[in-house]
């Protein structure tokens, strides 16, 4: 009597993931002519175009808020104040720092 383990190819004892087939030709699933006509959405590694647009918009929002925060967080650094913040039209005069003549050591 032969056992099932003796007929299986060597080295494949429960080591093959379920997602991979050991077939040499690709297997397409059976599609019943009486079932619903469905189509798989176009995707890249499971991310559809709608998900990519949603996550892209979310990431752009977080990036904009983080950039706005960083700009105002570093607004008191002299180089940022002079090169960037003074050139903003409405709030530019707020960042003009003039030293009084009596406080100037030179």
Protein backbone atom coordinates (compact mmCIF):
# COMPACT_ATOMS: atom_id res chain seq x y z
CA UNK A 1 0.00 0.00 0.00
CA UNK A 2 1.26 3.43 -0.82
CA UNK A 3 0.79 6.28 1.59
CA UNK A 4 -0.21 9.80 0.47
CA UNK A 5 3.13 11.15 1.66
CA UNK A 6 4.98 8.76 -0.60
CA UNK A 7 3.19 10.02 -3.72
CA UNK A 8 3.69 13.75 -2.99
CA UNK A 9 6.76 15.39 -4.49
CA UNK A 10 9.60 15.74 -2.00
CA UNK A 11 10.10 19.07 -0.26
CA UNK A 12 6.48 20.28 -0.57
CA UNK A 13 5.04 19.08 2.71
CA UNK A 14 2.91 22.05 3.90
CA UNK A 15 5.61 24.53 2.88
CA UNK A 16 3.76 26.05 -0.07
CA UNK A 17 1.73 29.17 0.78
CA UNK A 18 -1.95 28.93 0.01
CA UNK A 19 -1.76 31.87 -2.40
CA UNK A 20 0.73 30.11 -4.67
CA UNK A 21 -0.34 27.30 -6.90
CA UNK A 22 1.98 24.44 -7.78
CA UNK A 23 0.44 24.25 -11.25
CA UNK A 24 2.62 24.97 -14.24
CA UNK A 25 -0.19 26.68 -16.15
CA UNK A 26 -2.26 29.53 -14.69
CA UNK A 27 -5.67 28.51 -13.48
CA UNK A 28 -8.63 30.78 -14.11
CA UNK A 29 -11.62 30.38 -11.82
CA UNK A 30 -14.90 29.04 -13.09
CA UNK A 31 -17.38 31.74 -14.03
CA UNK A 32 -20.95 30.58 -14.22
CA UNK A 33 -23.03 31.94 -17.11
CA UNK A 34 -25.93 32.29 -14.64
CA UNK A 35 -24.03 34.25 -11.98
CA UNK A 36 -23.62 38.00 -11.70
CA UNK A 37 -21.41 39.77 -14.22
CA UNK A 38 -18.69 41.26 -12.05
CA UNK A 39 -15.34 42.75 -12.86
CA UNK A 40 -12.28 43.16 -10.69
CA UNK A 41 -11.32 46.80 -10.21
CA UNK A 42 -7.98 47.90 -11.63
CA UNK A 43 -5.48 48.11 -8.81
CA UNK A 44 -1.79 48.18 -7.97
CA UNK A 45 -1.01 45.89 -5.03
CA UNK A 46 -4.59 46.26 -3.80
CA UNK A 47 -4.71 50.07 -3.98
CA UNK A 48 -7.39 51.25 -6.38
CA UNK A 49 -7.52 54.67 -8.01
CA UNK A 50 -10.16 55.88 -5.53
CA UNK A 51 -8.04 54.82 -2.55
CA UNK A 52 -4.94 56.44 -4.04
CA UNK A 53 -6.82 59.73 -4.56
CA UNK A 54 -8.21 59.58 -1.03
CA UNK A 55 -4.83 58.85 0.58
CA UNK A 56 -3.06 61.38 -1.66
CA UNK A 57 -5.48 64.12 -0.64
CA UNK A 58 -5.07 63.19 3.00
CA UNK A 59 -1.27 63.18 2.74
CA UNK A 60 -1.27 66.53 0.91
CA UNK A 61 -3.42 68.05 3.65
CA UNK A 62 -1.14 66.78 6.41
CA UNK A 63 1.92 67.96 4.46
CA UNK A 64 0.47 71.44 3.99
CA UNK A 65 -0.39 71.78 7.67
CA UNK A 66 3.06 70.49 8.69
CA UNK A 67 4.77 72.98 6.35
CA UNK A 68 2.63 75.86 7.64
CA UNK A 69 3.46 74.88 11.23
CA UNK A 70 7.19 74.59 10.48
CA UNK A 71 7.22 78.00 8.79
CA UNK A 72 5.66 79.77 11.75
CA UNK A 73 7.58 77.69 14.30
CA UNK A 74 10.88 78.82 12.77
CA UNK A 75 9.64 82.37 12.01
CA UNK A 76 11.80 83.88 14.75
CA UNK A 77 15.02 82.44 13.32
CA UNK A 78 16.71 85.51 11.77
CA UNK A 79 17.38 83.96 8.36
CA UNK A 80 13.80 82.68 7.99
CA UNK A 81 12.41 85.99 9.23
CA UNK A 82 14.46 88.05 6.76
CA UNK A 83 14.32 85.82 3.67
CA UNK A 84 10.79 84.42 3.87
CA UNK A 85 8.50 86.05 6.40
CA UNK A 86 9.19 89.70 5.49
CA UNK A 87 8.17 88.98 1.88
CA UNK A 88 4.67 87.78 2.80
CA UNK A 89 2.39 90.69 1.74
CA UNK A 90 0.02 91.16 4.68
CA UNK A 91 2.06 89.97 7.67
CA UNK A 92 5.48 91.08 6.41
CA UNK A 93 5.73 94.31 8.45
CA UNK A 94 5.19 92.33 11.67
CA UNK A 95 8.52 90.55 11.12
CA UNK A 96 10.60 93.73 10.63
CA UNK A 97 12.79 93.84 13.77
CA UNK A 98 14.62 97.10 14.23
CA UNK A 99 17.13 97.47 17.03
CA UNK A 100 16.99 100.75 18.88
CA UNK A 101 20.21 102.82 18.53
CA UNK A 102 20.87 102.72 22.27
CA UNK A 103 20.74 98.91 22.27
CA UNK A 104 23.14 98.51 19.34
CA UNK A 105 26.65 97.69 20.67
CA UNK A 106 28.38 98.95 17.50
